[in-house]
Amino acid sequence: MTTKAEVYKCKVCGAILAVITGGKGELACCNQKMAEVTPDKAKRLIHDMPRPGTP
């Protein structure tokens, strides 16, 4: 089960997912369960993401 504002990362490909609306079930990527990221790590991941329209 996921809840709003959680962040998950794929251990295989590095894809990052932020939950907007929680729900039942588990998140999976590359045929594996995604790992929940701590709030501090999530802030760093989101801060380092490229923004559309920036060089």
PDB file of N, CA and C in Angstrom:
ATOM      1  N   MET A   1       0.843  -1.178   0.000  1.00  0.00           N
ATOM      2  CA  MET A   1       0.000   0.000   0.000  1.00  0.00           C
ATOM      3  C   MET A   1       0.892   1.246   0.000  1.00  0.00           C
ATOM      4  N   THR A   2       0.569   2.170  -0.826  1.00  0.00           N
ATOM      5  CA  THR A   2       1.315   3.422  -0.893  1.00  0.00           C
ATOM      6  C   THR A   2       0.480   4.561  -0.325  1.00  0.00           C
ATOM      7  N   THR A   3       1.159   5.561   0.190  1.00  0.00           N
ATOM      8  CA  THR A   3       0.463   6.737   0.687  1.00  0.00           C
ATOM      9  C   THR A   3       1.013   7.972  -0.005  1.00  0.00           C
ATOM     10  N   LYS A   4       0.232   9.023   0.042  1.00  0.00           N
ATOM     11  CA  LYS A   4       0.579  10.284  -0.616  1.00  0.00           C
ATOM     12  C   LYS A   4       1.947  10.785  -0.147  1.00  0.00           C
ATOM     13  N   ALA A   5       2.733  11.287  -1.078  1.00  0.00           N
ATOM     14  CA  ALA A   5       4.029  11.933  -0.859  1.00  0.00           C
ATOM     15  C   ALA A   5       5.177  10.966  -0.598  1.00  0.00           C
ATOM     16  N   GLU A   6       4.971   9.661  -0.750  1.00  0.00           N
ATOM     17  CA  GLU A   6       6.087   8.723  -0.637  1.00  0.00           C
ATOM     18  C   GLU A   6       6.884   8.761  -1.938  1.00  0.00           C
ATOM     19  N   VAL A   7       8.164   8.412  -1.853  1.00  0.00           N
ATOM     20  CA  VAL A   7       9.030   8.372  -3.025  1.00  0.00           C
ATOM     21  C   VAL A   7       9.673   6.992  -3.084  1.00  0.00           C
ATOM     22  N   TYR A   8       9.702   6.421  -4.286  1.00  0.00           N
ATOM     23  CA  TYR A   8      10.269   5.093  -4.497  1.00  0.00           C
ATOM     24  C   TYR A   8      11.315   5.161  -5.602  1.00  0.00           C
ATOM     25  N   LYS A   9      12.287   4.235  -5.543  1.00  0.00           N
ATOM     26  CA  LYS A   9      13.334   4.184  -6.552  1.00  0.00           C
ATOM     27  C   LYS A   9      13.555   2.733  -6.962  1.00  0.00           C
ATOM     28  N   CYS A  10      13.742   2.522  -8.264  1.00  0.00           N
ATOM     29  CA  CYS A  10      14.032   1.194  -8.790  1.00  0.00           C
ATOM     30  C   CYS A  10      15.506   0.886  -8.549  1.00  0.00           C
ATOM     31  N   LYS A  11      15.772  -0.289  -7.981  1.00  0.00           N
ATOM     32  CA  LYS A  11      17.147  -0.702  -7.697  1.00  0.00           C
ATOM     33  C   LYS A  11      17.901  -1.095  -8.964  1.00  0.00           C
ATOM     34  N   VAL A  12      17.168  -1.405 -10.038  1.00  0.00           N
ATOM     35  CA  VAL A  12      17.799  -1.862 -11.275  1.00  0.00           C
ATOM     36  C   VAL A  12      18.121  -0.701 -12.214  1.00  0.00           C
ATOM     37  N   CYS A  13      17.102   0.074 -12.593  1.00  0.00           N
ATOM     38  CA  CYS A  13      17.300   1.120 -13.602  1.00  0.00           C
ATOM     39  C   CYS A  13      17.417   2.528 -13.024  1.00  0.00           C
ATOM     40  N   GLY A  14      17.084   2.697 -11.734  1.00  0.00           N
ATOM     41  CA  GLY A  14      17.205   4.004 -11.101  1.00  0.00           C
ATOM     42  C   GLY A  14      16.013   4.920 -11.299  1.00  0.00           C
ATOM     43  N   ALA A  15      14.922   4.410 -11.876  1.00  0.00           N
ATOM     44  CA  ALA A  15      13.722   5.229 -12.064  1.00  0.00           C
ATOM     45  C   ALA A  15      13.200   5.689 -10.703  1.00  0.00           C
ATOM     46  N   ILE A  16      12.732   6.940 -10.644  1.00  0.00           N
ATOM     47  CA  ILE A  16      12.212   7.516  -9.408  1.00  0.00           C
ATOM     48  C   ILE A  16      10.726   7.793  -9.594  1.00  0.00           C
ATOM     49  N   LEU A  17       9.933   7.445  -8.571  1.00  0.00           N
ATOM     50  CA  LEU A  17       8.495   7.630  -8.639  1.00  0.00           C
ATOM     51  C   LEU A  17       8.026   8.330  -7.365  1.00  0.00           C
ATOM     52  N   ALA A  18       7.275   9.403  -7.513  1.00  0.00           N
ATOM     53  CA  ALA A  18       6.676  10.106  -6.379  1.00  0.00           C
ATOM     54  C   ALA A  18       5.179   9.823  -6.395  1.00  0.00           C
ATOM     55  N   VAL A  19       4.642   9.390  -5.265  1.00  0.00           N
ATOM     56  CA  VAL A  19       3.226   9.051  -5.162  1.00  0.00           C
ATOM     57  C   VAL A  19       2.416  10.323  -4.957  1.00  0.00           C
ATOM     58  N   ILE A  20       1.456  10.553  -5.839  1.00  0.00           N
ATOM     59  CA  ILE A  20       0.578  11.716  -5.738  1.00  0.00           C
ATOM     60  C   ILE A  20      -0.701  11.345  -5.000  1.00  0.00           C
ATOM     61  N   THR A  21      -1.263  10.195  -5.335  1.00  0.00           N
ATOM     62  CA  THR A  21      -2.446   9.681  -4.664  1.00  0.00           C
ATOM     63  C   THR A  21      -2.155   8.245  -4.259  1.00  0.00           C
ATOM     64  N   GLY A  22      -2.239   7.928  -2.987  1.00  0.00           N
ATOM     65  CA  GLY A  22      -1.943   6.584  -2.507  1.00  0.00           C
ATOM     66  C   GLY A  22      -2.982   5.579  -2.946  1.00  0.00           C
ATOM     67  N   GLY A  23      -2.651   4.299  -2.780  1.00  0.00           N
ATOM     68  CA  GLY A  23      -3.575   3.248  -3.148  1.00  0.00           C
ATOM     69  C   GLY A  23      -3.077   1.886  -2.722  1.00  0.00           C
ATOM     70  N   LYS A  24      -3.830   0.864  -3.062  1.00  0.00           N
ATOM     71  CA  LYS A  24      -3.485  -0.511  -2.724  1.00  0.00           C
ATOM     72  C   LYS A  24      -2.472  -1.057  -3.718  1.00  0.00           C
ATOM     73  N   GLY A  25      -1.772  -2.090  -3.304  1.00  0.00           N
ATOM     74  CA  GLY A  25      -0.821  -2.761  -4.178  1.00  0.00           C
ATOM     75  C   GLY A  25       0.602  -2.313  -3.920  1.00  0.00           C
ATOM     76  N   GLU A  26       1.529  -2.918  -4.654  1.00  0.00           N
ATOM     77  CA  GLU A  26       2.938  -2.596  -4.530  1.00  0.00           C
ATOM     78  C   GLU A  26       3.453  -2.060  -5.856  1.00  0.00           C
ATOM     79  N   LEU A  27       4.414  -1.168  -5.792  1.00  0.00           N
ATOM     80  CA  LEU A  27       5.000  -0.602  -7.001  1.00  0.00           C
ATOM     81  C   LEU A  27       6.141  -1.490  -7.476  1.00  0.00           C
ATOM     82  N   ALA A  28       6.201  -1.709  -8.783  1.00  0.00           N
ATOM     83  CA  ALA A  28       7.237  -2.565  -9.347  1.00  0.00           C
ATOM     84  C   ALA A  28       7.804  -1.926 -10.606  1.00  0.00           C
ATOM     85  N   CYS A  29       9.086  -2.181 -10.830  1.00  0.00           N
ATOM     86  CA  CYS A  29       9.785  -1.717 -12.027  1.00  0.00           C
ATOM     87  C   CYS A  29      10.858  -2.760 -12.323  1.00  0.00           C
ATOM     88  N   CYS A  30      11.104  -3.030 -13.574  1.00  0.00           N
ATOM     89  CA  CYS A  30      12.105  -4.035 -13.975  1.00  0.00           C
ATOM     90  C   CYS A  30      11.833  -5.382 -13.300  1.00  0.00           C
ATOM     91  N   ASN A  31      10.546  -5.717 -13.154  1.00  0.00           N
ATOM     92  CA  ASN A  31      10.093  -6.970 -12.545  1.00  0.00           C
ATOM     93  C   ASN A  31      10.549  -7.144 -11.100  1.00  0.00           C
ATOM     94  N   GLN A  32      10.814  -6.044 -10.394  1.00  0.00           N
ATOM     95  CA  GLN A  32      11.191  -6.110  -8.986  1.00  0.00           C
ATOM     96  C   GLN A  32      10.425  -5.047  -8.212  1.00  0.00           C
ATOM     97  N   LYS A  33      10.228  -5.322  -6.930  1.00  0.00           N
ATOM     98  CA  LYS A  33       9.554  -4.364  -6.053  1.00  0.00           C
ATOM     99  C   LYS A  33      10.432  -3.122  -5.907  1.00  0.00           C
ATOM    100  N   MET A  34       9.817  -1.941  -6.005  1.00  0.00           N
ATOM    101  CA  MET A  34      10.569  -0.695  -5.849  1.00  0.00           C
ATOM    102  C   MET A  34      10.845  -0.444  -4.375  1.00  0.00           C
ATOM    103  N   ALA A  35      11.973   0.203  -4.080  1.00  0.00           N
ATOM    104  CA  ALA A  35      12.376   0.487  -2.705  1.00  0.00           C
ATOM    105  C   ALA A  35      11.910   1.886  -2.312  1.00  0.00           C
ATOM    106  N   GLU A  36      11.324   1.986  -1.109  1.00  0.00           N
ATOM    107  CA  GLU A  36      10.931   3.303  -0.611  1.00  0.00           C
ATOM    108  C   GLU A  36      12.187   4.069  -0.212  1.00  0.00           C
ATOM    109  N   VAL A  37      12.196   5.349  -0.518  1.00  0.00           N
ATOM    110  CA  VAL A  37      13.339   6.209  -0.225  1.00  0.00           C
ATOM    111  C   VAL A  37      13.004   7.066   0.993  1.00  0.00           C
ATOM    112  N   THR A  38      13.988   7.296   1.867  1.00  0.00           N
ATOM    113  CA  THR A  38      13.768   8.120   3.054  1.00  0.00           C
ATOM    114  C   THR A  38      13.462   9.559   2.632  1.00  0.00           C
ATOM    115  N   PRO A  39      12.784  10.324   3.477  1.00  0.00           N
ATOM    116  CA  PRO A  39      12.461  11.712   3.122  1.00  0.00           C
ATOM    117  C   PRO A  39      13.693  12.559   2.778  1.00  0.00           C
ATOM    118  N   ASP A  40      14.789  12.400   3.511  1.00  0.00           N
ATOM    119  CA  ASP A  40      16.002  13.180   3.213  1.00  0.00           C
ATOM    120  C   ASP A  40      16.579  12.810   1.856  1.00  0.00           C
ATOM    121  N   LYS A  41      16.642  11.515   1.564  1.00  0.00           N
ATOM    122  CA  LYS A  41      17.161  11.054   0.271  1.00  0.00           C
ATOM    123  C   LYS A  41      16.229  11.512  -0.854  1.00  0.00           C
ATOM    124  N   ALA A  42      14.912  11.481  -0.616  1.00  0.00           N
ATOM    125  CA  ALA A  42      13.947  11.912  -1.625  1.00  0.00           C
ATOM    126  C   ALA A  42      14.137  13.384  -1.966  1.00  0.00           C
ATOM    127  N   LYS A  43      14.376  14.218  -0.960  1.00  0.00           N
ATOM    128  CA  LYS A  43      14.604  15.642  -1.208  1.00  0.00           C
ATOM    129  C   LYS A  43      15.822  15.855  -2.101  1.00  0.00           C
ATOM    130  N   ARG A  44      16.887  15.106  -1.842  1.00  0.00           N
ATOM    131  CA  ARG A  44      18.094  15.230  -2.682  1.00  0.00           C
ATOM    132  C   ARG A  44      17.822  14.762  -4.103  1.00  0.00           C
ATOM    133  N   LEU A  45      17.110  13.631  -4.256  1.00  0.00           N
ATOM    134  CA  LEU A  45      16.808  13.111  -5.587  1.00  0.00           C
ATOM    135  C   LEU A  45      15.968  14.102  -6.386  1.00  0.00           C
ATOM    136  N   ILE A  46      14.927  14.653  -5.751  1.00  0.00           N
ATOM    137  CA  ILE A  46      14.028  15.575  -6.438  1.00  0.00           C
ATOM    138  C   ILE A  46      14.741  16.884  -6.756  1.00  0.00           C
ATOM    139  N   HIS A  47      15.571  17.356  -5.835  1.00  0.00           N
ATOM    140  CA  HIS A  47      16.319  18.605  -6.057  1.00  0.00           C
ATOM    141  C   HIS A  47      17.281  18.476  -7.234  1.00  0.00           C
ATOM    142  N   ASP A  48      17.887  17.303  -7.412  1.00  0.00           N
ATOM    143  CA  ASP A  48      18.873  17.084  -8.468  1.00  0.00           C
ATOM    144  C   ASP A  48      18.259  16.772  -9.831  1.00  0.00           C
ATOM    145  N   MET A  49      16.930  16.627  -9.892  1.00  0.00           N
ATOM    146  CA  MET A  49      16.288  16.309 -11.169  1.00  0.00           C
ATOM    147  C   MET A  49      16.337  17.508 -12.108  1.00  0.00           C
ATOM    148  N   PRO A  50      16.590  17.270 -13.404  1.00  0.00           N
ATOM    149  CA  PRO A  50      16.570  18.387 -14.355  1.00  0.00           C
ATOM    150  C   PRO A  50      15.163  18.945 -14.494  1.00  0.00           C
ATOM    151  N   ARG A  51      15.066  20.237 -14.648  1.00  0.00           N
ATOM    152  CA  ARG A  51      13.781  20.913 -14.801  1.00  0.00           C
ATOM    153  C   ARG A  51      13.550  21.199 -16.289  1.00  0.00           C
ATOM    154  N   PRO A  52      12.312  21.011 -16.757  1.00  0.00           N
ATOM    155  CA  PRO A  52      12.020  21.313 -18.159  1.00  0.00           C
ATOM    156  C   PRO A  52      12.332  22.764 -18.490  1.00  0.00           C
ATOM    157  N   GLY A  53      12.976  22.979 -19.612  1.00  0.00           N
ATOM    158  CA  GLY A  53      13.272  24.344 -20.057  1.00  0.00           C
ATOM    159  C   GLY A  53      14.543  24.934 -19.511  1.00  0.00           C
ATOM    160  N   THR A  54      15.275  24.162 -18.697  1.00  0.00           N
ATOM    161  CA  THR A  54      16.547  24.666 -18.184  1.00  0.00           C
ATOM    162  C   THR A  54      17.703  24.087 -18.998  1.00  0.00           C
ATOM    163  N   PRO A  55      18.771  24.827 -19.127  1.00  0.00           N
ATOM    164  CA  PRO A  55      19.901  24.314 -19.920  1.00  0.00           C
ATOM    165  C   PRO A  55      20.628  23.173 -19.259  1.00  0.00           C
TER     166      PRO A  55
END
